[in-house]
Amino acid sequence: MKINKELMKGSTSILILSLLDRKDMYGYQITHELKKLSKNVFELKEGTLYPMLHSLENEKAIESYWFDADNGKRRKYYTITKAGKKLLEDKKSEWQTYTEAVNSVIGGICFE
């Protein structure tokens, strides 16, 4: 099932930060992992991913570095910063509050 773009808008940064909190990744790897972990529900296009990565870099939530892979390809990796970890925790808390409120209204299960 495809998710409405408007719903995705507000959750893109928390998804990216959550992935980078697990390990450093390059752009394609982020999109691939997100698609895999979400069982094909979340598909980020380059036109969404890279502006978000640049925005998170400008906010000092992530940093990037270049790495030469064994196959000779040079890839730009992204890593979460201390400020990014704090932002992620804040966003997780905000997300929990939001989902609890939505579930209360639509009759879903609330987290405790």
Protein backbone atom coordinates (compact mmCIF):
# COMPACT_ATOMS: atom_id res chain seq x y z
CA MET A 1 0.00 0.00 0.00
CA LYS A 2 1.35 3.41 -0.96
CA ILE A 3 1.40 6.05 1.75
CA ASN A 4 0.08 9.53 0.99
CA LYS A 5 2.93 11.97 0.34
CA GLU A 6 1.52 14.40 2.89
CA LEU A 7 1.77 11.73 5.61
CA MET A 8 5.34 10.94 4.55
CA LYS A 9 6.44 14.58 4.63
CA GLY A 10 6.44 14.85 8.39
CA SER A 11 8.14 11.53 9.04
CA THR A 12 11.00 11.51 6.52
CA SER A 13 13.61 13.02 8.82
CA ILE A 14 12.83 10.67 11.73
CA LEU A 15 13.12 7.68 9.38
CA ILE A 16 16.48 8.84 8.00
CA LEU A 17 17.86 9.67 11.45
CA SER A 18 16.69 6.29 12.78
CA LEU A 19 18.55 4.46 10.02
CA LEU A 20 21.71 6.52 10.54
CA ASP A 21 21.51 5.88 14.28
CA ARG A 22 22.06 2.19 13.45
CA LYS A 23 25.05 2.73 11.14
CA ASP A 24 26.59 5.14 8.64
CA MET A 25 25.05 4.83 5.17
CA TYR A 26 25.28 6.30 1.69
CA GLY A 27 22.25 7.64 -0.17
CA TYR A 28 21.19 4.58 -2.14
CA GLN A 29 21.74 2.41 0.93
CA ILE A 30 19.36 4.62 2.93
CA THR A 31 16.60 4.23 0.33
CA HIS A 32 17.22 0.49 0.02
CA GLU A 33 17.19 -0.12 3.81
CA LEU A 34 14.10 2.01 4.29
CA LYS A 35 12.24 0.12 1.59
CA LYS A 36 13.38 -3.25 2.96
CA LEU A 37 12.62 -2.54 6.63
CA SER A 38 9.21 -1.07 5.80
CA LYS A 39 8.32 -4.04 3.58
CA ASN A 40 8.12 -1.75 0.52
CA VAL A 41 5.81 0.79 2.15
CA PHE A 42 8.37 3.62 2.22
CA GLU A 43 10.11 4.48 -1.03
CA LEU A 44 12.19 7.64 -1.00
CA LYS A 45 13.02 9.13 -4.37
CA GLU A 46 16.31 10.98 -4.89
CA GLY A 47 14.36 14.23 -5.19
CA THR A 48 13.13 13.74 -1.63
CA LEU A 49 16.15 12.07 -0.04
CA TYR A 50 18.99 14.40 -1.00
CA PRO A 51 17.27 17.69 -0.10
CA MET A 52 16.39 16.11 3.28
CA LEU A 53 20.01 14.97 3.79
CA HIS A 54 21.26 18.49 2.94
CA SER A 55 18.72 20.00 5.33
CA LEU A 56 19.79 17.64 8.13
CA GLU A 57 23.44 18.54 7.42
CA ASN A 58 22.61 22.25 7.63
CA GLU A 59 20.92 21.60 10.98
CA LYS A 60 24.12 19.80 12.13
CA ALA A 61 22.04 16.65 12.76
CA ILE A 62 24.20 14.63 10.36
CA GLU A 63 27.63 14.90 8.78
CA SER A 64 28.98 13.41 5.57
CA TYR A 65 32.31 11.96 4.50
CA TRP A 66 33.69 10.29 1.40
CA PHE A 67 34.77 6.65 1.40
CA ASP A 68 36.43 4.60 -1.34
CA ALA A 69 34.77 1.18 -1.55
CA ASP A 70 36.65 -2.01 -2.43
CA ASN A 71 35.18 -1.91 -5.93
CA GLY A 72 36.77 1.50 -6.51
CA LYS A 73 33.55 3.49 -6.21
CA ARG A 74 33.69 6.61 -4.12
CA ARG A 75 30.60 7.04 -1.97
CA LYS A 76 29.38 9.83 0.26
CA TYR A 77 28.40 8.40 3.63
CA TYR A 78 26.22 10.09 6.21
CA THR A 79 26.59 9.76 9.96
CA ILE A 80 24.39 11.01 12.78
CA THR A 81 25.87 13.61 15.15
CA LYS A 82 25.32 14.11 18.86
CA ALA A 83 22.85 16.88 17.98
CA GLY A 84 21.17 14.48 15.55
CA LYS A 85 20.76 11.86 18.27
CA LYS A 86 19.08 14.48 20.47
CA LEU A 87 16.85 15.55 17.58
CA LEU A 88 15.94 11.91 16.95
CA GLU A 89 14.93 11.39 20.59
CA ASP A 90 12.81 14.55 20.47
CA LYS A 91 11.16 13.43 17.24
CA LYS A 92 10.48 9.94 18.65
CA SER A 93 8.78 11.47 21.68
CA GLU A 94 6.77 13.80 19.45
CA TRP A 95 5.86 10.87 17.18
CA GLN A 96 4.64 8.79 20.13
CA THR A 97 2.44 11.63 21.34
CA TYR A 98 1.06 12.11 17.83
CA THR A 99 0.32 8.42 17.22
CA GLU A 100 -1.34 8.05 20.62
CA ALA A 101 -3.62 10.99 19.85
CA VAL A 102 -4.46 9.70 16.36
CA ASN A 103 -5.14 6.20 17.69
CA SER A 104 -7.40 7.62 20.39
CA VAL A 105 -9.46 9.39 17.78
CA ILE A 106 -9.65 6.58 15.22
CA GLY A 107 -10.01 3.79 17.78
CA GLY A 108 -6.56 2.25 17.63
CA ILE A 109 -4.32 0.98 20.38
CA CYS A 110 -2.46 3.51 22.51
CA PHE A 111 1.08 2.87 23.69
CA GLU A 112 1.80 2.99 27.41
